[in-house]
């Protein structure tokens, strides 16, 4: 196995700066919660949209049958959006609401309003139901708002990932107008760790496996070789 070398994973300065700018404008007070959505293509599409609108983390509830599986067909979006999985919708809702998120559920009901009529500039979680059965009763009752998307065709509803994209684009537009994307995230320890994982994923995985701190990065995003011997001999 080769010794540690800053040349092992070269990073262009432009790409490294792109990583930093994306991280600086992430929207930590915006998330998605999927209620047993299980199809790989839908999960991948939701991840791609989440990344596109600046969501750093989404929540997913394990389906009753099988397990969450999604292919890396989202343009690498799964690398840039953290996924937190939950065994039940109840535990997922508890965690999300504990973080101060309002719950906006995509569901038709007597109390539903147009998706454009709610305020997305406040902390919120967009709750999306499963492909076949829709939203669970638990999630439906817990939601602060039910959202609908106007339709005039024969189909009864949009695909779950399409519906999520439509609603999140509206959220993005509201936040752009409110200047929320101009807020810059603090470049704290978590920021630096995430930046390292994006810039040097293989080394980050090695450090995580062995309980090692991440090496420093130079202005181009290349690793500065640490002196500690435990970094030598990495794959």
C-alpha atoms as a PDB file:
ATOM      1  CA  UNK A   1       0.000   0.000   0.000  1.00  0.00           C
ATOM      2  CA  UNK A   2       1.386   3.456  -0.846  1.00  0.00           C
ATOM      3  CA  UNK A   3       2.298   5.956   1.806  1.00  0.00           C
ATOM      4  CA  UNK A   4       0.153   9.020   2.321  1.00  0.00           C
ATOM      5  CA  UNK A   5       0.621  11.576  -0.419  1.00  0.00           C
ATOM      6  CA  UNK A   6      -1.097  14.875  -1.076  1.00  0.00           C
ATOM      7  CA  UNK A   7      -0.983  13.868  -4.747  1.00  0.00           C
ATOM      8  CA  UNK A   8      -3.213  10.823  -4.219  1.00  0.00           C
ATOM      9  CA  UNK A   9      -6.496  12.723  -4.585  1.00  0.00           C
ATOM     10  CA  UNK A  10      -5.843  15.959  -6.493  1.00  0.00           C
ATOM     11  CA  UNK A  11      -8.555  18.591  -6.294  1.00  0.00           C
ATOM     12  CA  UNK A  12      -8.958  21.486  -8.686  1.00  0.00           C
ATOM     13  CA  UNK A  13      -9.224  24.868  -7.021  1.00  0.00           C
ATOM     14  CA  UNK A  14     -12.422  25.703  -8.925  1.00  0.00           C
ATOM     15  CA  UNK A  15     -14.156  22.537  -7.730  1.00  0.00           C
ATOM     16  CA  UNK A  16     -12.965  23.105  -4.170  1.00  0.00           C
ATOM     17  CA  UNK A  17     -14.316  26.662  -4.263  1.00  0.00           C
ATOM     18  CA  UNK A  18     -17.607  25.279  -5.602  1.00  0.00           C
ATOM     19  CA  UNK A  19     -17.811  22.953  -2.608  1.00  0.00           C
ATOM     20  CA  UNK A  20     -17.251  25.846  -0.219  1.00  0.00           C
ATOM     21  CA  UNK A  21     -19.822  28.089  -1.871  1.00  0.00           C
ATOM     22  CA  UNK A  22     -22.453  25.347  -1.849  1.00  0.00           C
ATOM     23  CA  UNK A  23     -21.835  24.649   1.828  1.00  0.00           C
ATOM     24  CA  UNK A  24     -21.954  28.336   2.720  1.00  0.00           C
ATOM     25  CA  UNK A  25     -25.466  28.647   1.280  1.00  0.00           C
ATOM     26  CA  UNK A  26     -27.015  25.422   2.557  1.00  0.00           C
ATOM     27  CA  UNK A  27     -30.430  25.746   4.234  1.00  0.00           C
ATOM     28  CA  UNK A  28     -30.272  23.718   7.470  1.00  0.00           C
ATOM     29  CA  UNK A  29     -33.793  24.829   8.446  1.00  0.00           C
ATOM     30  CA  UNK A  30     -35.327  23.034   5.471  1.00  0.00           C
ATOM     31  CA  UNK A  31     -35.666  19.254   5.133  1.00  0.00           C
ATOM     32  CA  UNK A  32     -37.690  16.401   3.649  1.00  0.00           C
ATOM     33  CA  UNK A  33     -39.222  13.446   5.484  1.00  0.00           C
ATOM     34  CA  UNK A  34     -40.277  10.438   3.402  1.00  0.00           C
ATOM     35  CA  UNK A  35     -42.905   8.185   4.959  1.00  0.00           C
ATOM     36  CA  UNK A  36     -41.945   4.720   3.676  1.00  0.00           C
ATOM     37  CA  UNK A  37     -41.096   5.817   0.139  1.00  0.00           C
ATOM     38  CA  UNK A  38     -39.204   2.790  -1.162  1.00  0.00           C
ATOM     39  CA  UNK A  39     -38.593   2.941  -4.916  1.00  0.00           C
ATOM     40  CA  UNK A  40     -34.943   3.577  -5.677  1.00  0.00           C
ATOM     41  CA  UNK A  41     -35.623   5.958  -8.540  1.00  0.00           C
ATOM     42  CA  UNK A  42     -37.917   8.109  -6.382  1.00  0.00           C
ATOM     43  CA  UNK A  43     -35.486   8.268  -3.489  1.00  0.00           C
ATOM     44  CA  UNK A  44     -32.640   9.178  -5.841  1.00  0.00           C
ATOM     45  CA  UNK A  45     -34.746  11.901  -7.473  1.00  0.00           C
ATOM     46  CA  UNK A  46     -35.706  13.356  -4.097  1.00  0.00           C
ATOM     47  CA  UNK A  47     -32.048  13.411  -3.071  1.00  0.00           C
ATOM     48  CA  UNK A  48     -31.145  15.190  -6.300  1.00  0.00           C
ATOM     49  CA  UNK A  49     -33.817  17.840  -5.723  1.00  0.00           C
ATOM     50  CA  UNK A  50     -32.786  18.257  -2.084  1.00  0.00           C
ATOM     51  CA  UNK A  51     -29.223  18.973  -3.173  1.00  0.00           C
ATOM     52  CA  UNK A  52     -30.411  21.358  -5.886  1.00  0.00           C
ATOM     53  CA  UNK A  53     -32.355  23.552  -3.447  1.00  0.00           C
ATOM     54  CA  UNK A  54     -29.694  23.494  -0.730  1.00  0.00           C
ATOM     55  CA  UNK A  55     -31.045  20.955   1.754  1.00  0.00           C
ATOM     56  CA  UNK A  56     -28.168  19.395   3.700  1.00  0.00           C
ATOM     57  CA  UNK A  57     -30.049  16.506   5.329  1.00  0.00           C
ATOM     58  CA  UNK A  58     -33.240  14.529   4.761  1.00  0.00           C
ATOM     59  CA  UNK A  59     -35.094  11.926   6.833  1.00  0.00           C
ATOM     60  CA  UNK A  60     -36.431   8.604   5.579  1.00  0.00           C
ATOM     61  CA  UNK A  61     -38.652   6.058   7.300  1.00  0.00           C
ATOM     62  CA  UNK A  62     -37.901   2.418   6.602  1.00  0.00           C
ATOM     63  CA  UNK A  63     -40.665   0.682   4.597  1.00  0.00           C
ATOM     64  CA  UNK A  64     -42.616  -2.063   6.361  1.00  0.00           C
ATOM     65  CA  UNK A  65     -41.479  -4.558   3.727  1.00  0.00           C
ATOM     66  CA  UNK A  66     -37.879  -4.674   2.563  1.00  0.00           C
ATOM     67  CA  UNK A  67     -35.439  -1.864   3.198  1.00  0.00           C
ATOM     68  CA  UNK A  68     -34.437   1.489   1.827  1.00  0.00           C
ATOM     69  CA  UNK A  69     -32.388   1.058  -1.323  1.00  0.00           C
ATOM     70  CA  UNK A  70     -31.395   3.675  -3.814  1.00  0.00           C
ATOM     71  CA  UNK A  71     -28.945   3.588  -6.665  1.00  0.00           C
ATOM     72  CA  UNK A  72     -26.239   6.141  -7.243  1.00  0.00           C
ATOM     73  CA  UNK A  73     -28.132   7.583 -10.194  1.00  0.00           C
ATOM     74  CA  UNK A  74     -28.671  11.021  -8.698  1.00  0.00           C
ATOM     75  CA  UNK A  75     -25.551  12.613 -10.143  1.00  0.00           C
ATOM     76  CA  UNK A  76     -23.698  11.868  -6.913  1.00  0.00           C
ATOM     77  CA  UNK A  77     -26.294  13.747  -4.844  1.00  0.00           C
ATOM     78  CA  UNK A  78     -26.305  11.086  -2.125  1.00  0.00           C
ATOM     79  CA  UNK A  79     -22.725  12.102  -1.384  1.00  0.00           C
ATOM     80  CA  UNK A  80     -23.769  15.690  -0.711  1.00  0.00           C
ATOM     81  CA  UNK A  81     -27.049  15.187   1.163  1.00  0.00           C
ATOM     82  CA  UNK A  82     -26.982  13.316   4.459  1.00  0.00           C
ATOM     83  CA  UNK A  83     -29.711  10.721   4.954  1.00  0.00           C
ATOM     84  CA  UNK A  84     -31.051   9.897   8.405  1.00  0.00           C
ATOM     85  CA  UNK A  85     -33.160   6.750   8.548  1.00  0.00           C
ATOM     86  CA  UNK A  86     -35.853   5.946  11.109  1.00  0.00           C
ATOM     87  CA  UNK A  87     -37.623   2.721  11.982  1.00  0.00           C
ATOM     88  CA  UNK A  88     -41.024   4.359  12.442  1.00  0.00           C
ATOM     89  CA  UNK A  89     -42.763   7.532  11.356  1.00  0.00           C
ATOM     90  CA  UNK A  90     -43.408   8.391  15.005  1.00  0.00           C
ATOM     91  CA  UNK A  91     -39.714   8.540  15.879  1.00  0.00           C
ATOM     92  CA  UNK A  92     -38.984  10.489  12.707  1.00  0.00           C
ATOM     93  CA  UNK A  93     -41.684  13.052  13.497  1.00  0.00           C
ATOM     94  CA  UNK A  94     -40.445  13.404  17.057  1.00  0.00           C
ATOM     95  CA  UNK A  95     -36.918  14.171  15.918  1.00  0.00           C
ATOM     96  CA  UNK A  96     -37.961  16.605  13.219  1.00  0.00           C
ATOM     97  CA  UNK A  97     -40.394  18.539  15.398  1.00  0.00           C
ATOM     98  CA  UNK A  98     -37.855  18.631  18.223  1.00  0.00           C
ATOM     99  CA  UNK A  99     -35.622  20.588  15.839  1.00  0.00           C
ATOM    100  CA  UNK A 100     -38.325  23.212  15.422  1.00  0.00           C
ATOM    101  CA  UNK A 101     -39.562  22.251  11.958  1.00  0.00           C
ATOM    102  CA  UNK A 102     -43.169  22.828  10.918  1.00  0.00           C
ATOM    103  CA  UNK A 103     -44.651  19.847   9.112  1.00  0.00           C
ATOM    104  CA  UNK A 104     -45.958  20.430   5.594  1.00  0.00           C
ATOM    105  CA  UNK A 105     -47.484  17.222   4.263  1.00  0.00           C
ATOM    106  CA  UNK A 106     -48.266  16.678   0.590  1.00  0.00           C
ATOM    107  CA  UNK A 107     -51.794  15.300   0.875  1.00  0.00           C
ATOM    108  CA  UNK A 108     -55.262  16.105  -0.359  1.00  0.00           C
ATOM    109  CA  UNK A 109     -57.780  16.608   2.469  1.00  0.00           C
ATOM    110  CA  UNK A 110     -60.588  18.933   3.458  1.00  0.00           C
ATOM    111  CA  UNK A 111     -58.077  21.215   5.172  1.00  0.00           C
ATOM    112  CA  UNK A 112     -55.537  21.162   2.342  1.00  0.00           C
ATOM    113  CA  UNK A 113     -54.312  24.409   0.780  1.00  0.00           C
ATOM    114  CA  UNK A 114     -52.382  25.142  -2.395  1.00  0.00           C
ATOM    115  CA  UNK A 115     -48.679  24.505  -2.003  1.00  0.00           C
ATOM    116  CA  UNK A 116     -48.059  28.163  -2.917  1.00  0.00           C
ATOM    117  CA  UNK A 117     -50.080  29.495   0.018  1.00  0.00           C
ATOM    118  CA  UNK A 118     -47.759  28.484   2.854  1.00  0.00           C
ATOM    119  CA  UNK A 119     -44.638  30.173   4.193  1.00  0.00           C
ATOM    120  CA  UNK A 120     -41.443  28.303   3.354  1.00  0.00           C
ATOM    121  CA  UNK A 121     -39.154  30.947   4.831  1.00  0.00           C
ATOM    122  CA  UNK A 122     -39.664  29.457   8.281  1.00  0.00           C
ATOM    123  CA  UNK A 123     -38.127  26.115   9.323  1.00  0.00           C
ATOM    124  CA  UNK A 124     -40.119  23.309   7.723  1.00  0.00           C
ATOM    125  CA  UNK A 125     -40.073  19.635   6.822  1.00  0.00           C
ATOM    126  CA  UNK A 126     -41.834  18.499   3.657  1.00  0.00           C
ATOM    127  CA  UNK A 127     -43.475  15.149   4.443  1.00  0.00           C
ATOM    128  CA  UNK A 128     -44.044  12.856   1.470  1.00  0.00           C
ATOM    129  CA  UNK A 129     -46.079   9.638   1.559  1.00  0.00           C
ATOM    130  CA  UNK A 130     -45.336   6.222   0.095  1.00  0.00           C
ATOM    131  CA  UNK A 131     -45.922   5.509  -3.591  1.00  0.00           C
ATOM    132  CA  UNK A 132     -48.917   3.165  -3.267  1.00  0.00           C
ATOM    133  CA  UNK A 133     -50.516   4.032   0.061  1.00  0.00           C
ATOM    134  CA  UNK A 134     -49.699   7.700   0.478  1.00  0.00           C
ATOM    135  CA  UNK A 135     -49.202   9.353   3.839  1.00  0.00           C
ATOM    136  CA  UNK A 136     -49.700   7.353   7.014  1.00  0.00           C
ATOM    137  CA  UNK A 137     -52.467   8.356   9.410  1.00  0.00           C
ATOM    138  CA  UNK A 138     -49.838   9.277  12.006  1.00  0.00           C
ATOM    139  CA  UNK A 139     -48.065  11.681   9.670  1.00  0.00           C
ATOM    140  CA  UNK A 140     -51.306  13.102   8.324  1.00  0.00           C
ATOM    141  CA  UNK A 141     -52.611  13.948  11.776  1.00  0.00           C
ATOM    142  CA  UNK A 142     -49.272  15.404  12.900  1.00  0.00           C
ATOM    143  CA  UNK A 143     -48.951  17.752   9.913  1.00  0.00           C
ATOM    144  CA  UNK A 144     -49.369  21.474  10.503  1.00  0.00           C
ATOM    145  CA  UNK A 145     -50.515  21.952   6.909  1.00  0.00           C
ATOM    146  CA  UNK A 146     -51.741  19.706   4.104  1.00  0.00           C
ATOM    147  CA  UNK A 147     -50.576  20.810   0.660  1.00  0.00           C
ATOM    148  CA  UNK A 148     -52.044  20.166  -2.764  1.00  0.00           C
ATOM    149  CA  UNK A 149     -50.759  20.850  -6.266  1.00  0.00           C
ATOM    150  CA  UNK A 150     -53.480  21.942  -8.747  1.00  0.00           C
ATOM    151  CA  UNK A 151     -54.088  19.462 -11.581  1.00  0.00           C
ATOM    152  CA  UNK A 152     -56.464  19.454 -14.568  1.00  0.00           C
ATOM    153  CA  UNK A 153     -55.644  16.116 -16.184  1.00  0.00           C
ATOM    154  CA  UNK A 154     -56.991  12.600 -15.721  1.00  0.00           C
ATOM    155  CA  UNK A 155     -54.301  11.409 -13.319  1.00  0.00           C
ATOM    156  CA  UNK A 156     -55.101  11.689  -9.623  1.00  0.00           C
ATOM    157  CA  UNK A 157     -51.689  12.713  -8.358  1.00  0.00           C
ATOM    158  CA  UNK A 158     -48.108  13.469  -9.302  1.00  0.00           C
ATOM    159  CA  UNK A 159     -45.332  10.982  -8.775  1.00  0.00           C
ATOM    160  CA  UNK A 160     -43.917  11.454  -5.258  1.00  0.00           C
ATOM    161  CA  UNK A 161     -40.537  12.704  -6.455  1.00  0.00           C
ATOM    162  CA  UNK A 162     -42.124  15.075  -8.985  1.00  0.00           C
ATOM    163  CA  UNK A 163     -44.451  16.489  -6.323  1.00  0.00           C
ATOM    164  CA  UNK A 164     -41.509  17.008  -3.979  1.00  0.00           C
ATOM    165  CA  UNK A 165     -39.595  18.850  -6.711  1.00  0.00           C
ATOM    166  CA  UNK A 166     -42.529  21.159  -7.495  1.00  0.00           C
ATOM    167  CA  UNK A 167     -43.041  22.101  -3.847  1.00  0.00           C
ATOM    168  CA  UNK A 168     -39.344  22.526  -3.078  1.00  0.00           C
ATOM    169  CA  UNK A 169     -38.895  24.804  -6.079  1.00  0.00           C
ATOM    170  CA  UNK A 170     -41.594  27.059  -4.645  1.00  0.00           C
ATOM    171  CA  UNK A 171     -39.789  26.966  -1.306  1.00  0.00           C
ATOM    172  CA  UNK A 172     -36.550  27.939  -3.019  1.00  0.00           C
ATOM    173  CA  UNK A 173     -38.185  30.860  -4.822  1.00  0.00           C
ATOM    174  CA  UNK A 174     -39.660  32.208  -1.593  1.00  0.00           C
ATOM    175  CA  UNK A 175     -36.322  31.903   0.166  1.00  0.00           C
ATOM    176  CA  UNK A 176     -34.468  33.582  -2.681  1.00  0.00           C
ATOM    177  CA  UNK A 177     -36.849  36.548  -2.528  1.00  0.00           C
ATOM    178  CA  UNK A 178     -36.411  36.722   1.242  1.00  0.00           C
ATOM    179  CA  UNK A 179     -32.608  36.713   0.899  1.00  0.00           C
ATOM    180  CA  UNK A 180     -32.183  33.533   2.917  1.00  0.00           C
ATOM    181  CA  UNK A 181     -29.669  32.101   0.480  1.00  0.00           C
ATOM    182  CA  UNK A 182     -27.487  35.125   1.152  1.00  0.00           C
ATOM    183  CA  UNK A 183     -27.003  34.009   4.738  1.00  0.00           C
ATOM    184  CA  UNK A 184     -23.659  32.296   5.010  1.00  0.00           C
ATOM    185  CA  UNK A 185     -23.147  29.279   7.234  1.00  0.00           C
ATOM    186  CA  UNK A 186     -20.568  29.433   9.993  1.00  0.00           C
ATOM    187  CA  UNK A 187     -17.288  27.881   8.951  1.00  0.00           C
ATOM    188  CA  UNK A 188     -17.152  25.870  12.150  1.00  0.00           C
ATOM    189  CA  UNK A 189     -15.798  22.401  12.848  1.00  0.00           C
ATOM    190  CA  UNK A 190     -18.788  20.659  11.250  1.00  0.00           C
ATOM    191  CA  UNK A 191     -18.443  22.838   8.149  1.00  0.00           C
ATOM    192  CA  UNK A 192     -14.767  21.881   7.827  1.00  0.00           C
ATOM    193  CA  UNK A 193     -15.499  18.181   8.327  1.00  0.00           C
ATOM    194  CA  UNK A 194     -18.175  18.197   5.646  1.00  0.00           C
ATOM    195  CA  UNK A 195     -15.891  20.108   3.294  1.00  0.00           C
ATOM    196  CA  UNK A 196     -13.169  17.494   3.804  1.00  0.00           C
ATOM    197  CA  UNK A 197     -15.599  14.617   3.147  1.00  0.00           C
ATOM    198  CA  UNK A 198     -16.677  16.217  -0.108  1.00  0.00           C
ATOM    199  CA  UNK A 199     -13.165  17.056  -1.264  1.00  0.00           C
ATOM    200  CA  UNK A 200     -11.433  13.867  -0.125  1.00  0.00           C
ATOM    201  CA  UNK A 201     -14.049  11.106   0.279  1.00  0.00           C
ATOM    202  CA  UNK A 202     -11.606   8.179   0.234  1.00  0.00           C
ATOM    203  CA  UNK A 203      -9.356   9.677   2.896  1.00  0.00           C
ATOM    204  CA  UNK A 204     -12.376  10.676   4.963  1.00  0.00           C
ATOM    205  CA  UNK A 205     -13.620   7.074   4.879  1.00  0.00           C
ATOM    206  CA  UNK A 206     -10.160   5.844   5.925  1.00  0.00           C
ATOM    207  CA  UNK A 207     -10.039   8.274   8.848  1.00  0.00           C
ATOM    208  CA  UNK A 208     -13.553   7.366   9.935  1.00  0.00           C
ATOM    209  CA  UNK A 209     -12.747   3.649   9.905  1.00  0.00           C
ATOM    210  CA  UNK A 210      -9.652   4.125  12.025  1.00  0.00           C
ATOM    211  CA  UNK A 211     -10.876   6.902  14.313  1.00  0.00           C
ATOM    212  CA  UNK A 212      -8.353   9.426  12.989  1.00  0.00           C
ATOM    213  CA  UNK A 213      -8.789  13.195  12.688  1.00  0.00           C
ATOM    214  CA  UNK A 214      -8.999  14.566   9.180  1.00  0.00           C
ATOM    215  CA  UNK A 215      -5.774  16.055   7.767  1.00  0.00           C
ATOM    216  CA  UNK A 216      -5.706  19.745   6.906  1.00  0.00           C
ATOM    217  CA  UNK A 217      -6.447  20.923   3.381  1.00  0.00           C
ATOM    218  CA  UNK A 218      -4.568  23.565   1.447  1.00  0.00           C
ATOM    219  CA  UNK A 219      -6.168  26.370  -0.559  1.00  0.00           C
ATOM    220  CA  UNK A 220      -6.735  24.002  -3.498  1.00  0.00           C
ATOM    221  CA  UNK A 221      -8.457  21.344  -1.397  1.00  0.00           C
ATOM    222  CA  UNK A 222      -5.457  19.008  -1.518  1.00  0.00           C
ATOM    223  CA  UNK A 223      -4.394  17.265   1.675  1.00  0.00           C
ATOM    224  CA  UNK A 224      -1.426  18.494   3.646  1.00  0.00           C
ATOM    225  CA  UNK A 225       0.496  15.323   4.597  1.00  0.00           C
ATOM    226  CA  UNK A 226       0.285  14.773   8.375  1.00  0.00           C
ATOM    227  CA  UNK A 227       3.379  13.680  10.268  1.00  0.00           C
ATOM    228  CA  UNK A 228       1.658  10.989  12.363  1.00  0.00           C
ATOM    229  CA  UNK A 229       2.738   7.461  11.276  1.00  0.00           C
ATOM    230  CA  UNK A 230      -0.785   6.027  11.459  1.00  0.00           C
ATOM    231  CA  UNK A 231      -1.659   7.815   8.223  1.00  0.00           C
ATOM    232  CA  UNK A 232       1.020   5.940   6.304  1.00  0.00           C
ATOM    233  CA  UNK A 233       0.113   2.800   4.451  1.00  0.00           C
ATOM    234  CA  UNK A 234      -3.434   3.880   3.688  1.00  0.00           C
ATOM    235  CA  UNK A 235      -5.144   2.360   0.690  1.00  0.00           C
END
